[in-house]
Amino acid sequence: MTERKKHRLDRKDAYYVGGLDSMHTLMPFMLPGRTANEAVMNELVDLTAIEDFLAKKNTGEPEFKYTFFHVILAAGAKICLLRPKLNYFYSGGRLYERKDIIMAFVVKKKFVDESPEALAIINCEKSGVSPIEDIHEKVRKIVYSVRKEDKKDKTTDIMDSITKMPRWLVRLIVAVLRRLEYHGHYPSFLMKEDPYYSTCFASNLGSIKMHAQYHHLAEWGTNSFFMIIGEKKPAPVFKPDGSVEMHDVLDLGMTIDERIADGLYFANSIKLFRHLLQHPELLELPIETPVELEK
């Protein structure tokens, strides 16, 4: 994909978005907090097509199976490429478009209370690669590294180092980092290991049998999109002829900074997301492949 012409207000990780109307120019000053601008959307995902797709992908019993989580992350990455405003964020009173598509999530090392968590960050390929294959392979490497090799992720290593310092120094470091972020100079080596600098931070609560449809955004970092994936469950689904069938479904909750786009843009983005989950075979095509929706 071609890169944009450089602008003097570009950041290391994002392009400056100029030419805004007065409302969007003033909005980060009138409503500066990301958590004060949360738009919450919920979808009930019919898993019928995804289950058929996964059965084909897992033919031959691969060691690391394809799952609902891989499909949803891949669909999320694709809509963020095709609908670029989902990859926008406000920082320092300015609007930016992130250069990369970054998906972040938490990995539980073992499914017991005492087991620590690891933070995983995936930088998705933006052209020439199937998003489902890209996500599956990168998740596999992370999970094997965390669970089988029992390694700490780099984010936790950095946090462990900081928390050993006196409280006054921790407070000073955090204050300096916030100031650097405001001016677009947050250190790259910290940014690439921080899930709050991702396009989409996803939480797979279904894997721990937990029900939830909402997670707040954070004032730290630049993340404008949080996604909650619920537990698979049976539910009645109405067919076009009015009859009812029981299908496996799951709840999908999305929290987005409403300042980055308008309601129609979000609605059309969700429509595309829904279409990809109903036709997961589209995720085997290169991520940049356009998707035609019925009007």
C-alpha atoms as a PDB file:
ATOM      1  CA  MET A   1       0.000   0.000   0.000  1.00  0.00           C
ATOM      2  CA  THR A   2       1.265   3.479  -0.844  1.00  0.00           C
ATOM      3  CA  GLU A   3       2.309   5.763   1.986  1.00  0.00           C
ATOM      4  CA  ARG A   4       0.992   9.273   2.315  1.00  0.00           C
ATOM      5  CA  LYS A   5       2.919  12.429   1.737  1.00  0.00           C
ATOM      6  CA  LYS A   6       4.581  13.444   4.988  1.00  0.00           C
ATOM      7  CA  HIS A   7       3.021  16.205   7.065  1.00  0.00           C
ATOM      8  CA  ARG A   8       4.885  18.195   9.695  1.00  0.00           C
ATOM      9  CA  LEU A   9       2.320  17.122  12.325  1.00  0.00           C
ATOM     10  CA  ASP A  10       2.646  13.378  11.603  1.00  0.00           C
ATOM     11  CA  ARG A  11       3.698  11.126  14.472  1.00  0.00           C
ATOM     12  CA  LYS A  12       6.012   8.119  14.379  1.00  0.00           C
ATOM     13  CA  ASP A  13       2.996   5.832  14.574  1.00  0.00           C
ATOM     14  CA  ALA A  14       0.289   7.847  12.814  1.00  0.00           C
ATOM     15  CA  TYR A  15      -0.639  10.304  10.078  1.00  0.00           C
ATOM     16  CA  TYR A  16      -2.111  13.668  10.985  1.00  0.00           C
ATOM     17  CA  VAL A  17      -5.721  14.050   9.825  1.00  0.00           C
ATOM     18  CA  GLY A  18      -6.353  17.649   8.787  1.00  0.00           C
ATOM     19  CA  GLY A  19      -9.189  19.532   7.140  1.00  0.00           C
ATOM     20  CA  LEU A  20     -11.673  18.805   9.925  1.00  0.00           C
ATOM     21  CA  ASP A  21     -14.900  20.717  10.406  1.00  0.00           C
ATOM     22  CA  SER A  22     -15.116  23.019  13.403  1.00  0.00           C
ATOM     23  CA  MET A  23     -17.016  20.497  15.540  1.00  0.00           C
ATOM     24  CA  HIS A  24     -14.338  17.789  15.211  1.00  0.00           C
ATOM     25  CA  THR A  25     -11.589  20.360  15.658  1.00  0.00           C
ATOM     26  CA  LEU A  26     -13.076  21.608  18.945  1.00  0.00           C
ATOM     27  CA  MET A  27     -14.307  18.236  20.226  1.00  0.00           C
ATOM     28  CA  PRO A  28     -11.014  17.077  21.861  1.00  0.00           C
ATOM     29  CA  PHE A  29     -10.939  20.342  23.825  1.00  0.00           C
ATOM     30  CA  MET A  30     -14.626  20.375  24.763  1.00  0.00           C
ATOM     31  CA  LEU A  31     -14.764  16.618  25.505  1.00  0.00           C
ATOM     32  CA  PRO A  32     -11.124  15.684  26.100  1.00  0.00           C
ATOM     33  CA  GLY A  33     -11.546  12.307  27.794  1.00  0.00           C
ATOM     34  CA  ARG A  34     -11.804   9.121  25.754  1.00  0.00           C
ATOM     35  CA  THR A  35     -13.927   7.497  28.457  1.00  0.00           C
ATOM     36  CA  ALA A  36     -16.382  10.408  28.268  1.00  0.00           C
ATOM     37  CA  ASN A  37     -16.955   9.673  24.574  1.00  0.00           C
ATOM     38  CA  GLU A  38     -17.690   5.970  24.600  1.00  0.00           C
ATOM     39  CA  ALA A  39     -20.151   4.584  22.060  1.00  0.00           C
ATOM     40  CA  VAL A  40     -21.223   1.046  22.952  1.00  0.00           C
ATOM     41  CA  MET A  41     -22.488  -1.417  20.333  1.00  0.00           C
ATOM     42  CA  ASN A  42     -23.593  -5.014  20.862  1.00  0.00           C
ATOM     43  CA  GLU A  43     -24.024  -7.797  18.320  1.00  0.00           C
ATOM     44  CA  LEU A  44     -25.422 -11.305  18.710  1.00  0.00           C
ATOM     45  CA  VAL A  45     -23.291 -13.368  16.334  1.00  0.00           C
ATOM     46  CA  ASP A  46     -24.847 -16.463  14.752  1.00  0.00           C
ATOM     47  CA  LEU A  47     -22.001 -18.986  14.692  1.00  0.00           C
ATOM     48  CA  THR A  48     -23.469 -21.366  12.101  1.00  0.00           C
ATOM     49  CA  ALA A  49     -21.283 -20.198   9.198  1.00  0.00           C
ATOM     50  CA  ILE A  50     -18.207 -19.835  11.408  1.00  0.00           C
ATOM     51  CA  GLU A  51     -18.595 -23.359  12.808  1.00  0.00           C
ATOM     52  CA  ASP A  52     -18.790 -24.791   9.268  1.00  0.00           C
ATOM     53  CA  PHE A  53     -15.740 -22.738   8.288  1.00  0.00           C
ATOM     54  CA  LEU A  54     -13.750 -23.896  11.339  1.00  0.00           C
ATOM     55  CA  ALA A  55     -14.658 -27.541  10.714  1.00  0.00           C
ATOM     56  CA  LYS A  56     -13.043 -27.262   7.258  1.00  0.00           C
ATOM     57  CA  LYS A  57     -10.005 -25.346   8.544  1.00  0.00           C
ATOM     58  CA  ASN A  58      -9.424 -27.915  11.288  1.00  0.00           C
ATOM     59  CA  THR A  59      -9.681 -30.944   9.005  1.00  0.00           C
ATOM     60  CA  GLY A  60      -6.816 -33.272   9.855  1.00  0.00           C
ATOM     61  CA  GLU A  61      -6.729 -32.140  13.493  1.00  0.00           C
ATOM     62  CA  PRO A  62      -3.941 -29.504  13.339  1.00  0.00           C
ATOM     63  CA  GLU A  63      -1.907 -29.110  16.524  1.00  0.00           C
ATOM     64  CA  PHE A  64      -3.037 -25.488  16.919  1.00  0.00           C
ATOM     65  CA  LYS A  65      -6.668 -25.290  15.889  1.00  0.00           C
ATOM     66  CA  TYR A  66      -8.483 -22.377  14.300  1.00  0.00           C
ATOM     67  CA  THR A  67     -11.053 -20.900  16.693  1.00  0.00           C
ATOM     68  CA  PHE A  68     -13.859 -18.323  16.879  1.00  0.00           C
ATOM     69  CA  PHE A  69     -11.309 -15.927  18.379  1.00  0.00           C
ATOM     70  CA  HIS A  70      -9.085 -16.103  15.283  1.00  0.00           C
ATOM     71  CA  VAL A  71     -12.049 -15.485  12.973  1.00  0.00           C
ATOM     72  CA  ILE A  72     -13.298 -12.489  14.979  1.00  0.00           C
ATOM     73  CA  LEU A  73      -9.811 -10.952  15.251  1.00  0.00           C
ATOM     74  CA  ALA A  74      -9.252 -11.444  11.513  1.00  0.00           C
ATOM     75  CA  ALA A  75     -12.613  -9.840  10.689  1.00  0.00           C
ATOM     76  CA  GLY A  76     -11.773  -6.985  13.064  1.00  0.00           C
ATOM     77  CA  ALA A  77      -8.429  -6.398  11.348  1.00  0.00           C
ATOM     78  CA  LYS A  78     -10.064  -6.409   7.911  1.00  0.00           C
ATOM     79  CA  ILE A  79     -12.764  -3.878   8.790  1.00  0.00           C
ATOM     80  CA  CYS A  80     -10.121  -1.589  10.302  1.00  0.00           C
ATOM     81  CA  LEU A  81      -8.259  -1.677   6.980  1.00  0.00           C
ATOM     82  CA  LEU A  82     -11.321  -1.230   4.764  1.00  0.00           C
ATOM     83  CA  ARG A  83     -12.942   1.280   7.142  1.00  0.00           C
ATOM     84  CA  PRO A  84      -9.879   3.355   8.122  1.00  0.00           C
ATOM     85  CA  LYS A  85     -11.654   5.737  10.505  1.00  0.00           C
ATOM     86  CA  LEU A  86     -11.886   2.824  12.956  1.00  0.00           C
ATOM     87  CA  ASN A  87      -8.103   3.215  13.209  1.00  0.00           C
ATOM     88  CA  TYR A  88      -8.280   6.923  14.130  1.00  0.00           C
ATOM     89  CA  PHE A  89      -7.461   8.376  17.526  1.00  0.00           C
ATOM     90  CA  TYR A  90      -7.256  11.752  19.229  1.00  0.00           C
ATOM     91  CA  SER A  91      -4.090  12.776  21.033  1.00  0.00           C
ATOM     92  CA  GLY A  92      -2.818  16.188  22.047  1.00  0.00           C
ATOM     93  CA  GLY A  93      -5.996  17.811  20.710  1.00  0.00           C
ATOM     94  CA  ARG A  94      -5.389  16.463  17.192  1.00  0.00           C
ATOM     95  CA  LEU A  95      -6.862  13.631  15.139  1.00  0.00           C
ATOM     96  CA  TYR A  96      -4.580  10.934  13.735  1.00  0.00           C
ATOM     97  CA  GLU A  97      -4.795   7.774  11.631  1.00  0.00           C
ATOM     98  CA  ARG A  98      -2.620   4.955  12.930  1.00  0.00           C
ATOM     99  CA  LYS A  99      -0.122   3.687  10.354  1.00  0.00           C
ATOM    100  CA  ASP A 100      -0.436   0.026  11.379  1.00  0.00           C
ATOM    101  CA  ILE A 101      -3.310  -2.281  12.258  1.00  0.00           C
ATOM    102  CA  ILE A 102      -2.502  -3.617  15.707  1.00  0.00           C
ATOM    103  CA  MET A 103      -4.609  -6.160  17.596  1.00  0.00           C
ATOM    104  CA  ALA A 104      -3.963  -6.683  21.312  1.00  0.00           C
ATOM    105  CA  PHE A 105      -5.316  -9.236  23.779  1.00  0.00           C
ATOM    106  CA  VAL A 106      -4.555 -11.018  27.046  1.00  0.00           C
ATOM    107  CA  VAL A 107      -3.258 -14.590  27.271  1.00  0.00           C
ATOM    108  CA  LYS A 108      -3.893 -16.567  30.447  1.00  0.00           C
ATOM    109  CA  LYS A 109      -0.916 -18.867  30.966  1.00  0.00           C
ATOM    110  CA  LYS A 110      -3.023 -21.479  32.767  1.00  0.00           C
ATOM    111  CA  PHE A 111      -6.755 -21.551  33.486  1.00  0.00           C
ATOM    112  CA  VAL A 112      -6.370 -21.318  37.276  1.00  0.00           C
ATOM    113  CA  ASP A 113      -6.829 -18.324  39.594  1.00  0.00           C
ATOM    114  CA  GLU A 114      -3.165 -18.002  40.511  1.00  0.00           C
ATOM    115  CA  SER A 115      -1.867 -18.112  36.941  1.00  0.00           C
ATOM    116  CA  PRO A 116      -0.414 -14.824  35.652  1.00  0.00           C
ATOM    117  CA  GLU A 117      -1.577 -13.100  32.480  1.00  0.00           C
ATOM    118  CA  ALA A 118       0.527 -12.058  29.512  1.00  0.00           C
ATOM    119  CA  LEU A 119      -0.200  -9.225  27.113  1.00  0.00           C
ATOM    120  CA  ALA A 120      -0.071 -10.075  23.407  1.00  0.00           C
ATOM    121  CA  ILE A 121       0.274  -7.588  20.559  1.00  0.00           C
ATOM    122  CA  ILE A 122      -0.082  -8.454  16.853  1.00  0.00           C
ATOM    123  CA  ASN A 123       0.936  -6.118  14.048  1.00  0.00           C
ATOM    124  CA  CYS A 124      -1.256  -7.300  11.158  1.00  0.00           C
ATOM    125  CA  GLU A 125      -0.085  -7.393   7.562  1.00  0.00           C
ATOM    126  CA  LYS A 126      -1.903  -4.777   5.457  1.00  0.00           C
ATOM    127  CA  SER A 127      -1.593  -6.362   2.006  1.00  0.00           C
ATOM    128  CA  GLY A 128      -1.014  -9.632   0.198  1.00  0.00           C
ATOM    129  CA  VAL A 129      -1.885 -11.895   3.132  1.00  0.00           C
ATOM    130  CA  SER A 130      -5.049 -13.679   4.248  1.00  0.00           C
ATOM    131  CA  PRO A 131      -6.064 -12.138   7.599  1.00  0.00           C
ATOM    132  CA  ILE A 132      -7.200 -15.473   9.059  1.00  0.00           C
ATOM    133  CA  GLU A 133      -3.834 -17.100   8.259  1.00  0.00           C
ATOM    134  CA  ASP A 134      -1.898 -14.055   9.459  1.00  0.00           C
ATOM    135  CA  ILE A 135      -3.779 -13.906  12.772  1.00  0.00           C
ATOM    136  CA  HIS A 136      -3.724 -17.673  13.331  1.00  0.00           C
ATOM    137  CA  GLU A 137       0.037 -17.974  12.833  1.00  0.00           C
ATOM    138  CA  LYS A 138       0.900 -14.950  14.985  1.00  0.00           C
ATOM    139  CA  VAL A 139      -1.445 -16.021  17.794  1.00  0.00           C
ATOM    140  CA  ARG A 140       0.063 -19.523  17.644  1.00  0.00           C
ATOM    141  CA  LYS A 141       3.590 -18.181  18.130  1.00  0.00           C
ATOM    142  CA  ILE A 142       2.520 -15.987  21.041  1.00  0.00           C
ATOM    143  CA  VAL A 143       0.520 -18.693  22.824  1.00  0.00           C
ATOM    144  CA  TYR A 144       3.293 -21.276  22.453  1.00  0.00           C
ATOM    145  CA  SER A 145       5.864 -18.803  23.719  1.00  0.00           C
ATOM    146  CA  VAL A 146       3.794 -17.769  26.733  1.00  0.00           C
ATOM    147  CA  ARG A 147       2.254 -21.093  27.746  1.00  0.00           C
ATOM    148  CA  LYS A 148       4.799 -23.696  26.684  1.00  0.00           C
ATOM    149  CA  GLU A 149       8.059 -21.816  27.139  1.00  0.00           C
ATOM    150  CA  ASP A 150       6.702 -19.968  30.200  1.00  0.00           C
ATOM    151  CA  LYS A 151       8.210 -16.663  29.087  1.00  0.00           C
ATOM    152  CA  LYS A 152       7.153 -13.225  30.227  1.00  0.00           C
ATOM    153  CA  ASP A 153       5.927 -10.814  27.597  1.00  0.00           C
ATOM    154  CA  LYS A 154       7.984  -7.657  27.103  1.00  0.00           C
ATOM    155  CA  THR A 155       5.167  -5.434  28.371  1.00  0.00           C
ATOM    156  CA  THR A 156       5.188  -7.206  31.737  1.00  0.00           C
ATOM    157  CA  ASP A 157       9.003  -7.010  31.884  1.00  0.00           C
ATOM    158  CA  ILE A 158       8.833  -3.219  31.442  1.00  0.00           C
ATOM    159  CA  MET A 159       6.089  -2.842  34.068  1.00  0.00           C
ATOM    160  CA  ASP A 160       8.017  -5.053  36.508  1.00  0.00           C
ATOM    161  CA  SER A 161      11.063  -2.800  36.143  1.00  0.00           C
ATOM    162  CA  ILE A 162       9.052   0.372  36.778  1.00  0.00           C
ATOM    163  CA  THR A 163       7.182  -0.976  39.807  1.00  0.00           C
ATOM    164  CA  LYS A 164      10.467  -1.676  41.596  1.00  0.00           C
ATOM    165  CA  MET A 165      11.112   2.066  41.733  1.00  0.00           C
ATOM    166  CA  PRO A 166       9.973   4.413  44.541  1.00  0.00           C
ATOM    167  CA  ARG A 167       6.435   5.752  44.163  1.00  0.00           C
ATOM    168  CA  TRP A 168       7.570   9.339  43.612  1.00  0.00           C
ATOM    169  CA  LEU A 169       9.747   8.215  40.718  1.00  0.00           C
ATOM    170  CA  VAL A 170       6.958   6.087  39.209  1.00  0.00           C
ATOM    171  CA  ARG A 171       4.648   9.111  39.383  1.00  0.00           C
ATOM    172  CA  LEU A 172       7.267  11.295  37.728  1.00  0.00           C
ATOM    173  CA  ILE A 173       7.930   8.767  34.946  1.00  0.00           C
ATOM    174  CA  VAL A 174       4.200   8.414  34.205  1.00  0.00           C
ATOM    175  CA  ALA A 175       3.749  12.207  34.164  1.00  0.00           C
ATOM    176  CA  VAL A 176       6.676  12.609  31.744  1.00  0.00           C
ATOM    177  CA  LEU A 177       5.313   9.846  29.488  1.00  0.00           C
ATOM    178  CA  ARG A 178       1.879  11.492  29.421  1.00  0.00           C
ATOM    179  CA  ARG A 179       3.489  14.774  28.398  1.00  0.00           C
ATOM    180  CA  LEU A 180       5.522  13.065  25.677  1.00  0.00           C
ATOM    181  CA  GLU A 181       2.339  11.424  24.364  1.00  0.00           C
ATOM    182  CA  TYR A 182       0.533  14.767  24.260  1.00  0.00           C
ATOM    183  CA  HIS A 183       3.271  16.152  22.012  1.00  0.00           C
ATOM    184  CA  GLY A 184       3.527  12.977  19.898  1.00  0.00           C
ATOM    185  CA  HIS A 185       6.937  11.933  21.222  1.00  0.00           C
ATOM    186  CA  TYR A 186       6.074   8.841  23.265  1.00  0.00           C
ATOM    187  CA  PRO A 187       9.050   6.421  23.021  1.00  0.00           C
ATOM    188  CA  SER A 188       8.685   3.872  20.219  1.00  0.00           C
ATOM    189  CA  PHE A 189      10.190   1.026  22.257  1.00  0.00           C
ATOM    190  CA  LEU A 190       7.429   1.454  24.853  1.00  0.00           C
ATOM    191  CA  MET A 191       4.675   2.078  22.307  1.00  0.00           C
ATOM    192  CA  LYS A 192       5.208  -1.199  20.455  1.00  0.00           C
ATOM    193  CA  GLU A 193       4.885  -3.170  23.707  1.00  0.00           C
ATOM    194  CA  ASP A 194       1.850  -1.304  25.071  1.00  0.00           C
ATOM    195  CA  PRO A 195      -1.606  -2.766  24.262  1.00  0.00           C
ATOM    196  CA  TYR A 196      -3.178   0.642  24.847  1.00  0.00           C
ATOM    197  CA  TYR A 197      -1.448   1.781  21.660  1.00  0.00           C
ATOM    198  CA  SER A 198      -3.318  -0.811  19.604  1.00  0.00           C
ATOM    199  CA  THR A 199      -6.042  -0.393  16.999  1.00  0.00           C
ATOM    200  CA  CYS A 200      -8.275  -2.868  18.808  1.00  0.00           C
ATOM    201  CA  PHE A 201      -7.864  -4.320  22.300  1.00  0.00           C
ATOM    202  CA  ALA A 202      -9.839  -7.585  22.453  1.00  0.00           C
ATOM    203  CA  SER A 203     -10.856  -9.636  25.470  1.00  0.00           C
ATOM    204  CA  ASN A 204     -11.974 -13.225  24.903  1.00  0.00           C
ATOM    205  CA  LEU A 205     -14.146 -13.661  27.997  1.00  0.00           C
ATOM    206  CA  GLY A 206     -15.855 -16.657  26.434  1.00  0.00           C
ATOM    207  CA  SER A 207     -12.659 -18.663  26.930  1.00  0.00           C
ATOM    208  CA  ILE A 208     -13.101 -18.328  30.712  1.00  0.00           C
ATOM    209  CA  LYS A 209     -16.888 -18.901  30.615  1.00  0.00           C
ATOM    210  CA  MET A 210     -17.685 -15.311  31.538  1.00  0.00           C
ATOM    211  CA  HIS A 211     -20.564 -13.143  30.304  1.00  0.00           C
ATOM    212  CA  ALA A 212     -19.965  -9.455  29.566  1.00  0.00           C
ATOM    213  CA  GLN A 213     -20.873  -7.035  26.779  1.00  0.00           C
ATOM    214  CA  TYR A 214     -18.956  -3.915  27.759  1.00  0.00           C
ATOM    215  CA  HIS A 215     -15.438  -2.803  28.613  1.00  0.00           C
ATOM    216  CA  HIS A 216     -14.400   0.799  29.105  1.00  0.00           C
ATOM    217  CA  LEU A 217     -11.773   2.584  27.042  1.00  0.00           C
ATOM    218  CA  ALA A 218      -8.716   4.077  28.773  1.00  0.00           C
ATOM    219  CA  GLU A 219      -7.228   7.552  29.047  1.00  0.00           C
ATOM    220  CA  TRP A 220      -3.756   6.080  28.666  1.00  0.00           C
ATOM    221  CA  GLY A 221      -2.382   5.536  25.162  1.00  0.00           C
ATOM    222  CA  THR A 222      -4.298   5.888  21.896  1.00  0.00           C
ATOM    223  CA  ASN A 223      -6.617   2.864  21.753  1.00  0.00           C
ATOM    224  CA  SER A 224     -10.085   3.894  20.465  1.00  0.00           C
ATOM    225  CA  PHE A 225     -11.660   0.441  19.991  1.00  0.00           C
ATOM    226  CA  PHE A 226     -12.245  -2.260  22.638  1.00  0.00           C
ATOM    227  CA  MET A 227     -13.963  -5.560  21.833  1.00  0.00           C
ATOM    228  CA  ILE A 228     -15.463  -8.116  24.223  1.00  0.00           C
ATOM    229  CA  ILE A 229     -16.043 -11.662  22.935  1.00  0.00           C
ATOM    230  CA  GLY A 230     -18.583 -13.624  24.961  1.00  0.00           C
ATOM    231  CA  GLU A 231     -19.251 -17.297  25.562  1.00  0.00           C
ATOM    232  CA  LYS A 232     -20.829 -19.580  22.978  1.00  0.00           C
ATOM    233  CA  LYS A 233     -24.420 -20.469  23.885  1.00  0.00           C
ATOM    234  CA  PRO A 234     -27.607 -21.762  22.212  1.00  0.00           C
ATOM    235  CA  ALA A 235     -30.279 -19.228  21.335  1.00  0.00           C
ATOM    236  CA  PRO A 236     -33.422 -19.084  19.136  1.00  0.00           C
ATOM    237  CA  VAL A 237     -32.824 -17.565  15.697  1.00  0.00           C
ATOM    238  CA  PHE A 238     -35.685 -16.389  13.471  1.00  0.00           C
ATOM    239  CA  LYS A 239     -35.575 -17.429   9.802  1.00  0.00           C
ATOM    240  CA  PRO A 240     -36.985 -15.259   6.964  1.00  0.00           C
ATOM    241  CA  ASP A 241     -40.172 -17.351   6.835  1.00  0.00           C
ATOM    242  CA  GLY A 242     -40.879 -16.651  10.527  1.00  0.00           C
ATOM    243  CA  SER A 243     -39.870 -20.091  11.811  1.00  0.00           C
ATOM    244  CA  VAL A 244     -37.402 -20.454  14.671  1.00  0.00           C
ATOM    245  CA  GLU A 245     -34.277 -22.598  14.972  1.00  0.00           C
ATOM    246  CA  MET A 246     -31.797 -23.052  17.797  1.00  0.00           C
ATOM    247  CA  HIS A 247     -28.300 -21.941  16.781  1.00  0.00           C
ATOM    248  CA  ASP A 248     -25.041 -21.461  18.596  1.00  0.00           C
ATOM    249  CA  VAL A 249     -24.417 -17.738  19.128  1.00  0.00           C
ATOM    250  CA  LEU A 250     -22.145 -15.454  21.094  1.00  0.00           C
ATOM    251  CA  ASP A 251     -22.354 -11.885  22.322  1.00  0.00           C
ATOM    252  CA  LEU A 252     -19.931  -9.385  20.838  1.00  0.00           C
ATOM    253  CA  GLY A 253     -19.538  -6.060  22.596  1.00  0.00           C
ATOM    254  CA  MET A 254     -17.694  -3.097  21.060  1.00  0.00           C
ATOM    255  CA  THR A 255     -16.750   0.167  22.733  1.00  0.00           C
ATOM    256  CA  ILE A 256     -15.519   2.928  20.419  1.00  0.00           C
ATOM    257  CA  ASP A 257     -14.498   6.555  20.876  1.00  0.00           C
ATOM    258  CA  GLU A 258     -17.467   8.249  19.192  1.00  0.00           C
ATOM    259  CA  ARG A 259     -15.357  11.280  18.222  1.00  0.00           C
ATOM    260  CA  ILE A 260     -13.437   9.391  15.508  1.00  0.00           C
ATOM    261  CA  ALA A 261     -16.433   8.964  13.156  1.00  0.00           C
ATOM    262  CA  ASP A 262     -20.163   9.570  12.901  1.00  0.00           C
ATOM    263  CA  GLY A 263     -23.012   7.150  13.584  1.00  0.00           C
ATOM    264  CA  LEU A 264     -23.553   6.236   9.935  1.00  0.00           C
ATOM    265  CA  TYR A 265     -19.878   5.310   9.539  1.00  0.00           C
ATOM    266  CA  PHE A 266     -20.068   3.051  12.596  1.00  0.00           C
ATOM    267  CA  ALA A 267     -23.315   1.480  11.363  1.00  0.00           C
ATOM    268  CA  ASN A 268     -21.833   0.668   7.952  1.00  0.00           C
ATOM    269  CA  SER A 269     -18.688  -0.683   9.615  1.00  0.00           C
ATOM    270  CA  ILE A 270     -20.750  -3.022  11.802  1.00  0.00           C
ATOM    271  CA  LYS A 271     -22.695  -4.108   8.723  1.00  0.00           C
ATOM    272  CA  LEU A 272     -19.402  -5.088   7.066  1.00  0.00           C
ATOM    273  CA  PHE A 273     -18.206  -6.836  10.243  1.00  0.00           C
ATOM    274  CA  ARG A 274     -21.471  -8.810  10.404  1.00  0.00           C
ATOM    275  CA  HIS A 275     -21.128  -9.786   6.728  1.00  0.00           C
ATOM    276  CA  LEU A 276     -17.590 -11.095   7.251  1.00  0.00           C
ATOM    277  CA  LEU A 277     -18.700 -13.217  10.210  1.00  0.00           C
ATOM    278  CA  GLN A 278     -21.563 -14.613   8.107  1.00  0.00           C
ATOM    279  CA  HIS A 279     -19.137 -15.319   5.233  1.00  0.00           C
ATOM    280  CA  PRO A 280     -15.826 -16.181   6.962  1.00  0.00           C
ATOM    281  CA  GLU A 281     -14.409 -17.645   3.740  1.00  0.00           C
ATOM    282  CA  LEU A 282     -13.807 -14.012   2.697  1.00  0.00           C
ATOM    283  CA  LEU A 283     -11.109 -13.910   5.365  1.00  0.00           C
ATOM    284  CA  GLU A 284      -9.027 -16.341   3.299  1.00  0.00           C
ATOM    285  CA  LEU A 285      -8.608 -13.693   0.592  1.00  0.00           C
ATOM    286  CA  PRO A 286      -5.894 -11.001   0.871  1.00  0.00           C
ATOM    287  CA  ILE A 287      -6.856  -8.564   3.607  1.00  0.00           C
ATOM    288  CA  GLU A 288      -7.090  -5.607   1.193  1.00  0.00           C
ATOM    289  CA  THR A 289      -9.648  -7.388  -1.039  1.00  0.00           C
ATOM    290  CA  PRO A 290     -12.805  -5.194  -1.205  1.00  0.00           C
ATOM    291  CA  VAL A 291     -16.109  -6.641   0.040  1.00  0.00           C
ATOM    292  CA  GLU A 292     -19.327  -5.981  -1.851  1.00  0.00           C
ATOM    293  CA  LEU A 293     -22.376  -5.658   0.390  1.00  0.00           C
ATOM    294  CA  GLU A 294     -25.977  -5.990  -0.686  1.00  0.00           C
ATOM    295  CA  LYS A 295     -27.796  -2.645  -0.719  1.00  0.00           C
END
